Amino acid sequence: MLDAVVVILLGLGLVVFAGTTMGLLRFPDFYTRVHAAGKGDTLSTVLLLSGFALYHLHPLDAAALLTGLKILLIVLFIFIASPTATHAIIDAGYEAGVRHWARGATNPPSRSGSDARRADHTA
């Protein structure tokens, strides 16, 4: 029964990771690509590492329990750090003046972050 749960978690993690990869390749602009990378990478990593932690608990002893706990602490760290890093990257893109994608619009050269903010406030 535990092996089936491990296989399901690992399989779901691989499917989500493949979807993340497709999002990085297919989405049109910086913001949607970073969104795909941030959300999909976090979820796929949590699923994969949770599967590995459960797999390690099969012979239940103190060493296996300690290793599973360490893997779950890594999951917790990734669950906190990955969205924070994604937010920082998107904020840096906004400050640099990276424009959003718009259907049918041509993207003019981007302005610096302070010029883009001034133009946004005056328009």
N, C-alpha and C. Protein backbone atom coordinates (compact mmCIF):
# COMPACT_ATOMS: atom_id res chain seq x y z
N MET A 1 0.81 -1.19 0.00
CA MET A 1 0.00 0.00 0.00
C MET A 1 0.86 1.27 0.00
N LEU A 2 1.93 1.26 0.82
CA LEU A 2 2.82 2.41 0.88
C LEU A 2 3.54 2.62 -0.45
N ASP A 3 3.89 1.51 -1.12
CA ASP A 3 4.55 1.62 -2.42
C ASP A 3 3.64 2.28 -3.45
N ALA A 4 2.34 2.00 -3.40
CA ALA A 4 1.40 2.61 -4.34
C ALA A 4 1.31 4.12 -4.12
N VAL A 5 1.30 4.54 -2.87
CA VAL A 5 1.25 5.98 -2.56
C VAL A 5 2.53 6.66 -3.05
N VAL A 6 3.66 6.00 -2.86
CA VAL A 6 4.94 6.55 -3.32
C VAL A 6 4.94 6.69 -4.84
N VAL A 7 4.47 5.68 -5.54
CA VAL A 7 4.44 5.73 -7.01
C VAL A 7 3.50 6.84 -7.48
N ILE A 8 2.37 7.00 -6.82
CA ILE A 8 1.42 8.06 -7.19
C ILE A 8 2.04 9.44 -6.97
N LEU A 9 2.68 9.64 -5.82
CA LEU A 9 3.31 10.93 -5.54
C LEU A 9 4.43 11.24 -6.54
N LEU A 10 5.26 10.26 -6.83
CA LEU A 10 6.34 10.48 -7.79
C LEU A 10 5.80 10.72 -9.19
N GLY A 11 4.78 9.97 -9.57
CA GLY A 11 4.17 10.16 -10.90
C GLY A 11 3.54 11.54 -11.04
N LEU A 12 2.79 11.96 -10.02
CA LEU A 12 2.20 13.30 -10.06
C LEU A 12 3.27 14.39 -10.09
N GLY A 13 4.34 14.19 -9.33
CA GLY A 13 5.43 15.16 -9.35
C GLY A 13 6.06 15.28 -10.73
N LEU A 14 6.24 14.16 -11.41
CA LEU A 14 6.81 14.20 -12.76
C LEU A 14 5.86 14.84 -13.76
N VAL A 15 4.56 14.58 -13.62
CA VAL A 15 3.58 15.19 -14.53
C VAL A 15 3.53 16.70 -14.33
N VAL A 16 3.53 17.14 -13.08
CA VAL A 16 3.52 18.59 -12.81
C VAL A 16 4.81 19.23 -13.29
N PHE A 17 5.93 18.55 -13.13
CA PHE A 17 7.20 19.09 -13.61
C PHE A 17 7.22 19.19 -15.13
N ALA A 18 6.63 18.21 -15.82
CA ALA A 18 6.53 18.28 -17.28
C ALA A 18 5.63 19.44 -17.69
N GLY A 19 4.54 19.66 -16.96
CA GLY A 19 3.67 20.81 -17.24
C GLY A 19 4.39 22.13 -17.02
N THR A 20 5.22 22.19 -16.00
CA THR A 20 6.02 23.39 -15.75
C THR A 20 6.96 23.66 -16.91
N THR A 21 7.58 22.61 -17.41
CA THR A 21 8.49 22.76 -18.54
C THR A 21 7.76 23.25 -19.77
N MET A 22 6.57 22.71 -20.01
CA MET A 22 5.78 23.17 -21.15
C MET A 22 5.37 24.63 -20.98
N GLY A 23 5.05 25.03 -19.76
CA GLY A 23 4.71 26.42 -19.51
C GLY A 23 5.88 27.35 -19.77
N LEU A 24 7.07 26.93 -19.39
CA LEU A 24 8.25 27.75 -19.66
C LEU A 24 8.50 27.90 -21.15
N LEU A 25 8.21 26.86 -21.90
CA LEU A 25 8.45 26.90 -23.34
C LEU A 25 7.35 27.61 -24.12
N ARG A 26 6.11 27.53 -23.66
CA ARG A 26 4.98 27.99 -24.46
C ARG A 26 4.40 29.34 -24.06
N PHE A 27 4.55 29.76 -22.82
CA PHE A 27 3.93 31.02 -22.40
C PHE A 27 4.62 32.20 -23.06
N PRO A 28 3.88 33.29 -23.30
CA PRO A 28 4.40 34.35 -24.17
C PRO A 28 5.33 35.37 -23.53
N ASP A 29 5.24 35.60 -22.23
CA ASP A 29 6.06 36.68 -21.69
C ASP A 29 6.72 36.27 -20.37
N PHE A 30 7.50 37.18 -19.86
CA PHE A 30 8.30 36.96 -18.66
C PHE A 30 7.43 36.59 -17.46
N TYR A 31 6.36 37.32 -17.24
CA TYR A 31 5.55 37.14 -16.03
C TYR A 31 4.83 35.79 -16.01
N THR A 32 4.27 35.38 -17.14
CA THR A 32 3.59 34.08 -17.16
C THR A 32 4.57 32.94 -17.07
N ARG A 33 5.75 33.10 -17.63
CA ARG A 33 6.76 32.05 -17.52
C ARG A 33 7.26 31.90 -16.10
N VAL A 34 7.49 33.01 -15.43
CA VAL A 34 7.94 32.94 -14.04
C VAL A 34 6.84 32.36 -13.16
N HIS A 35 5.57 32.68 -13.48
CA HIS A 35 4.46 32.11 -12.72
C HIS A 35 4.44 30.59 -12.87
N ALA A 36 4.61 30.11 -14.10
CA ALA A 36 4.63 28.66 -14.33
C ALA A 36 5.80 28.02 -13.59
N ALA A 37 6.94 28.66 -13.65
CA ALA A 37 8.11 28.09 -12.99
C ALA A 37 7.95 28.08 -11.48
N GLY A 38 7.43 29.15 -10.93
CA GLY A 38 7.30 29.24 -9.48
C GLY A 38 6.28 28.27 -8.91
N LYS A 39 5.09 28.24 -9.50
CA LYS A 39 4.04 27.37 -8.98
C LYS A 39 4.33 25.90 -9.26
N GLY A 40 4.67 25.60 -10.50
CA GLY A 40 4.90 24.20 -10.88
C GLY A 40 6.13 23.59 -10.24
N ASP A 41 7.18 24.37 -10.14
CA ASP A 41 8.41 23.85 -9.55
C ASP A 41 8.21 23.57 -8.06
N THR A 42 7.50 24.45 -7.38
CA THR A 42 7.24 24.22 -5.95
C THR A 42 6.40 22.97 -5.75
N LEU A 43 5.30 22.86 -6.49
CA LEU A 43 4.41 21.71 -6.31
C LEU A 43 5.09 20.40 -6.71
N SER A 44 5.80 20.40 -7.83
CA SER A 44 6.45 19.16 -8.26
C SER A 44 7.55 18.74 -7.28
N THR A 45 8.30 19.69 -6.75
CA THR A 45 9.34 19.36 -5.78
C THR A 45 8.74 18.82 -4.49
N VAL A 46 7.65 19.43 -4.04
CA VAL A 46 6.99 18.95 -2.82
C VAL A 46 6.46 17.53 -3.03
N LEU A 47 5.84 17.26 -4.18
CA LEU A 47 5.33 15.92 -4.44
C LEU A 47 6.45 14.89 -4.53
N LEU A 48 7.52 15.21 -5.27
CA LEU A 48 8.62 14.27 -5.43
C LEU A 48 9.32 13.99 -4.10
N LEU A 49 9.64 15.03 -3.35
CA LEU A 49 10.34 14.82 -2.09
C LEU A 49 9.45 14.14 -1.05
N SER A 50 8.15 14.40 -1.08
CA SER A 50 7.25 13.68 -0.17
C SER A 50 7.22 12.19 -0.51
N GLY A 51 7.23 11.88 -1.80
CA GLY A 51 7.31 10.48 -2.21
C GLY A 51 8.61 9.83 -1.76
N PHE A 52 9.71 10.55 -1.88
CA PHE A 52 10.99 10.00 -1.44
C PHE A 52 11.01 9.80 0.08
N ALA A 53 10.42 10.75 0.82
CA ALA A 53 10.38 10.62 2.27
C ALA A 53 9.56 9.40 2.68
N LEU A 54 8.42 9.18 2.03
CA LEU A 54 7.61 7.99 2.34
C LEU A 54 8.33 6.70 1.95
N TYR A 55 9.04 6.75 0.81
CA TYR A 55 9.78 5.57 0.37
C TYR A 55 10.85 5.20 1.38
N HIS A 56 11.45 6.19 1.99
CA HIS A 56 12.52 5.93 2.95
C HIS A 56 12.00 5.36 4.26
N LEU A 57 10.70 5.49 4.51
CA LEU A 57 10.12 5.01 5.76
C LEU A 57 9.74 3.53 5.71
N HIS A 58 10.00 2.86 4.59
CA HIS A 58 9.55 1.48 4.44
C HIS A 58 10.09 0.56 5.54
N PRO A 59 11.39 0.44 5.77
CA PRO A 59 11.79 -0.28 6.99
C PRO A 59 11.78 0.72 8.14
N LEU A 60 10.73 0.72 8.93
CA LEU A 60 10.54 1.74 9.95
C LEU A 60 11.51 1.52 11.11
N ASP A 61 12.56 2.33 11.13
CA ASP A 61 13.49 2.34 12.25
C ASP A 61 13.93 3.79 12.48
N ALA A 62 14.78 4.00 13.45
CA ALA A 62 15.15 5.36 13.83
C ALA A 62 15.89 6.09 12.72
N ALA A 63 16.79 5.40 12.02
CA ALA A 63 17.55 6.04 10.95
C ALA A 63 16.64 6.45 9.79
N ALA A 64 15.71 5.57 9.43
CA ALA A 64 14.79 5.88 8.34
C ALA A 64 13.86 7.03 8.74
N LEU A 65 13.44 7.07 9.97
CA LEU A 65 12.58 8.14 10.46
C LEU A 65 13.32 9.48 10.44
N LEU A 66 14.58 9.47 10.84
CA LEU A 66 15.39 10.69 10.82
C LEU A 66 15.61 11.18 9.39
N THR A 67 15.89 10.26 8.47
CA THR A 67 16.08 10.65 7.08
C THR A 67 14.79 11.19 6.48
N GLY A 68 13.66 10.56 6.76
CA GLY A 68 12.38 11.07 6.29
C GLY A 68 12.07 12.44 6.84
N LEU A 69 12.41 12.67 8.11
CA LEU A 69 12.19 13.98 8.72
C LEU A 69 13.06 15.04 8.06
N LYS A 70 14.29 14.70 7.74
CA LYS A 70 15.18 15.65 7.06
C LYS A 70 14.63 16.01 5.68
N ILE A 71 14.12 15.02 4.97
CA ILE A 71 13.54 15.29 3.65
C ILE A 71 12.31 16.19 3.79
N LEU A 72 11.49 15.96 4.79
CA LEU A 72 10.32 16.80 5.01
C LEU A 72 10.70 18.22 5.42
N LEU A 73 11.83 18.39 6.12
CA LEU A 73 12.32 19.74 6.42
C LEU A 73 12.77 20.45 5.16
N ILE A 74 13.37 19.71 4.22
CA ILE A 74 13.73 20.29 2.93
C ILE A 74 12.47 20.72 2.18
N VAL A 75 11.42 19.89 2.24
CA VAL A 75 10.14 20.24 1.61
C VAL A 75 9.61 21.54 2.20
N LEU A 76 9.65 21.67 3.51
CA LEU A 76 9.18 22.88 4.17
C LEU A 76 9.98 24.10 3.74
N PHE A 77 11.30 23.96 3.67
CA PHE A 77 12.14 25.07 3.24
C PHE A 77 11.82 25.48 1.80
N ILE A 78 11.67 24.52 0.91
CA ILE A 78 11.34 24.83 -0.49
C ILE A 78 9.96 25.47 -0.58
N PHE A 79 9.01 24.97 0.21
CA PHE A 79 7.66 25.51 0.21
C PHE A 79 7.64 26.98 0.64
N ILE A 80 8.58 27.38 1.48
CA ILE A 80 8.66 28.77 1.92
C ILE A 80 9.55 29.60 0.99
N ALA A 81 10.68 29.07 0.57
CA ALA A 81 11.67 29.85 -0.18
C ALA A 81 11.31 30.04 -1.64
N SER A 82 10.70 29.06 -2.29
CA SER A 82 10.44 29.17 -3.72
C SER A 82 9.44 30.28 -4.06
N PRO A 83 8.30 30.41 -3.38
CA PRO A 83 7.42 31.54 -3.69
C PRO A 83 8.05 32.89 -3.37
N THR A 84 8.88 32.95 -2.35
CA THR A 84 9.56 34.20 -2.01
C THR A 84 10.53 34.60 -3.11
N ALA A 85 11.28 33.63 -3.62
CA ALA A 85 12.21 33.91 -4.71
C ALA A 85 11.47 34.29 -5.99
N THR A 86 10.36 33.63 -6.27
CA THR A 86 9.57 33.96 -7.46
C THR A 86 9.05 35.39 -7.36
N HIS A 87 8.58 35.78 -6.18
CA HIS A 87 8.10 37.15 -6.00
C HIS A 87 9.24 38.15 -6.21
N ALA A 88 10.42 37.85 -5.70
CA ALA A 88 11.56 38.75 -5.87
C ALA A 88 11.94 38.89 -7.34
N ILE A 89 11.89 37.79 -8.09
CA ILE A 89 12.22 37.84 -9.52
C ILE A 89 11.19 38.67 -10.28
N ILE A 90 9.91 38.47 -9.97
CA ILE A 90 8.87 39.25 -10.65
C ILE A 90 8.98 40.73 -10.28
N ASP A 91 9.27 41.02 -9.04
CA ASP A 91 9.44 42.40 -8.62
C ASP A 91 10.63 43.04 -9.34
N ALA A 92 11.71 42.30 -9.51
CA ALA A 92 12.87 42.83 -10.24
C ALA A 92 12.50 43.08 -11.71
N GLY A 93 11.71 42.20 -12.30
CA GLY A 93 11.26 42.42 -13.67
C GLY A 93 10.39 43.65 -13.80
N TYR A 94 9.51 43.86 -12.82
CA TYR A 94 8.66 45.05 -12.82
C TYR A 94 9.50 46.31 -12.66
N GLU A 95 10.46 46.28 -11.75
CA GLU A 95 11.34 47.43 -11.54
C GLU A 95 12.18 47.72 -12.78
N ALA A 96 12.52 46.68 -13.54
CA ALA A 96 13.32 46.89 -14.75
C ALA A 96 12.46 47.35 -15.92
N GLY A 97 11.15 47.36 -15.75
CA GLY A 97 10.27 47.85 -16.81
C GLY A 97 9.87 46.79 -17.82
N VAL A 98 9.92 45.54 -17.46
CA VAL A 98 9.49 44.48 -18.38
C VAL A 98 7.99 44.60 -18.57
N ARG A 99 7.56 44.67 -19.82
CA ARG A 99 6.15 44.88 -20.12
C ARG A 99 5.38 43.56 -20.10
N HIS A 100 4.08 43.68 -19.79
CA HIS A 100 3.18 42.53 -19.85
C HIS A 100 2.85 42.22 -21.30
N TRP A 101 2.48 40.98 -21.55
CA TRP A 101 2.07 40.57 -22.88
C TRP A 101 0.65 41.05 -23.14
N ALA A 102 0.39 41.51 -24.35
CA ALA A 102 -0.96 41.89 -24.75
C ALA A 102 -1.21 41.32 -26.15
N ARG A 103 -2.37 40.74 -26.33
CA ARG A 103 -2.70 40.11 -27.62
C ARG A 103 -2.70 41.16 -28.73
N GLY A 104 -1.93 40.90 -29.77
CA GLY A 104 -1.91 41.76 -30.94
C GLY A 104 -1.09 43.03 -30.79
N ALA A 105 -0.55 43.29 -29.63
CA ALA A 105 0.23 44.51 -29.42
C ALA A 105 1.70 44.21 -29.66
N THR A 106 2.36 45.17 -30.25
CA THR A 106 3.81 45.04 -30.39
C THR A 106 4.44 45.66 -29.15
N ASN A 107 5.46 45.03 -28.67
CA ASN A 107 6.12 45.52 -27.45
C ASN A 107 7.21 46.51 -27.83
N PRO A 108 7.05 47.81 -27.46
CA PRO A 108 8.13 48.76 -27.69
C PRO A 108 9.29 48.47 -26.75
N PRO A 109 10.44 49.02 -27.03
CA PRO A 109 11.57 48.79 -26.11
C PRO A 109 11.19 49.22 -24.70
N SER A 110 11.58 48.42 -23.74
CA SER A 110 11.20 48.71 -22.36
C SER A 110 12.03 49.86 -21.81
N ARG A 111 11.42 50.59 -20.90
CA ARG A 111 12.10 51.71 -20.25
C ARG A 111 12.70 51.24 -18.95
N SER A 112 13.49 52.10 -18.35
CA SER A 112 14.05 51.74 -17.05
C SER A 112 12.93 51.73 -16.02
N GLY A 113 13.17 51.13 -14.87
CA GLY A 113 12.15 50.95 -13.85
C GLY A 113 11.54 52.25 -13.37
N SER A 114 12.35 53.29 -13.09
CA SER A 114 11.80 54.54 -12.57
C SER A 114 11.02 55.27 -13.65
N ASP A 115 11.48 55.24 -14.91
CA ASP A 115 10.74 55.88 -16.00
C ASP A 115 9.41 55.19 -16.23
N ALA A 116 9.38 53.86 -16.14
CA ALA A 116 8.14 53.11 -16.35
C ALA A 116 7.14 53.42 -15.25
N ARG A 117 7.60 53.56 -14.02
CA ARG A 117 6.68 53.87 -12.92
C ARG A 117 6.12 55.28 -13.06
N ARG A 118 6.97 56.24 -13.48
CA ARG A 118 6.49 57.60 -13.68
C ARG A 118 5.45 57.64 -14.79
N ALA A 119 5.68 56.91 -15.88
CA ALA A 119 4.75 56.89 -16.98
C ALA A 119 3.44 56.23 -16.57
N ASP A 120 3.49 55.19 -15.73
CA ASP A 120 2.29 54.53 -15.27
C ASP A 120 1.46 55.46 -14.38
N HIS A 121 2.11 56.29 -13.59
CA HIS A 121 1.37 57.16 -12.67
C HIS A 121 0.78 58.37 -13.40
N THR A 122 1.42 58.82 -14.49
CA THR A 122 0.91 59.99 -15.19
C THR A 122 -0.16 59.61 -16.20
N ALA A 123 -0.17 58.36 -16.65
CA ALA A 123 -1.15 57.96 -17.68
C ALA A 123 -2.50 57.68 -17.10
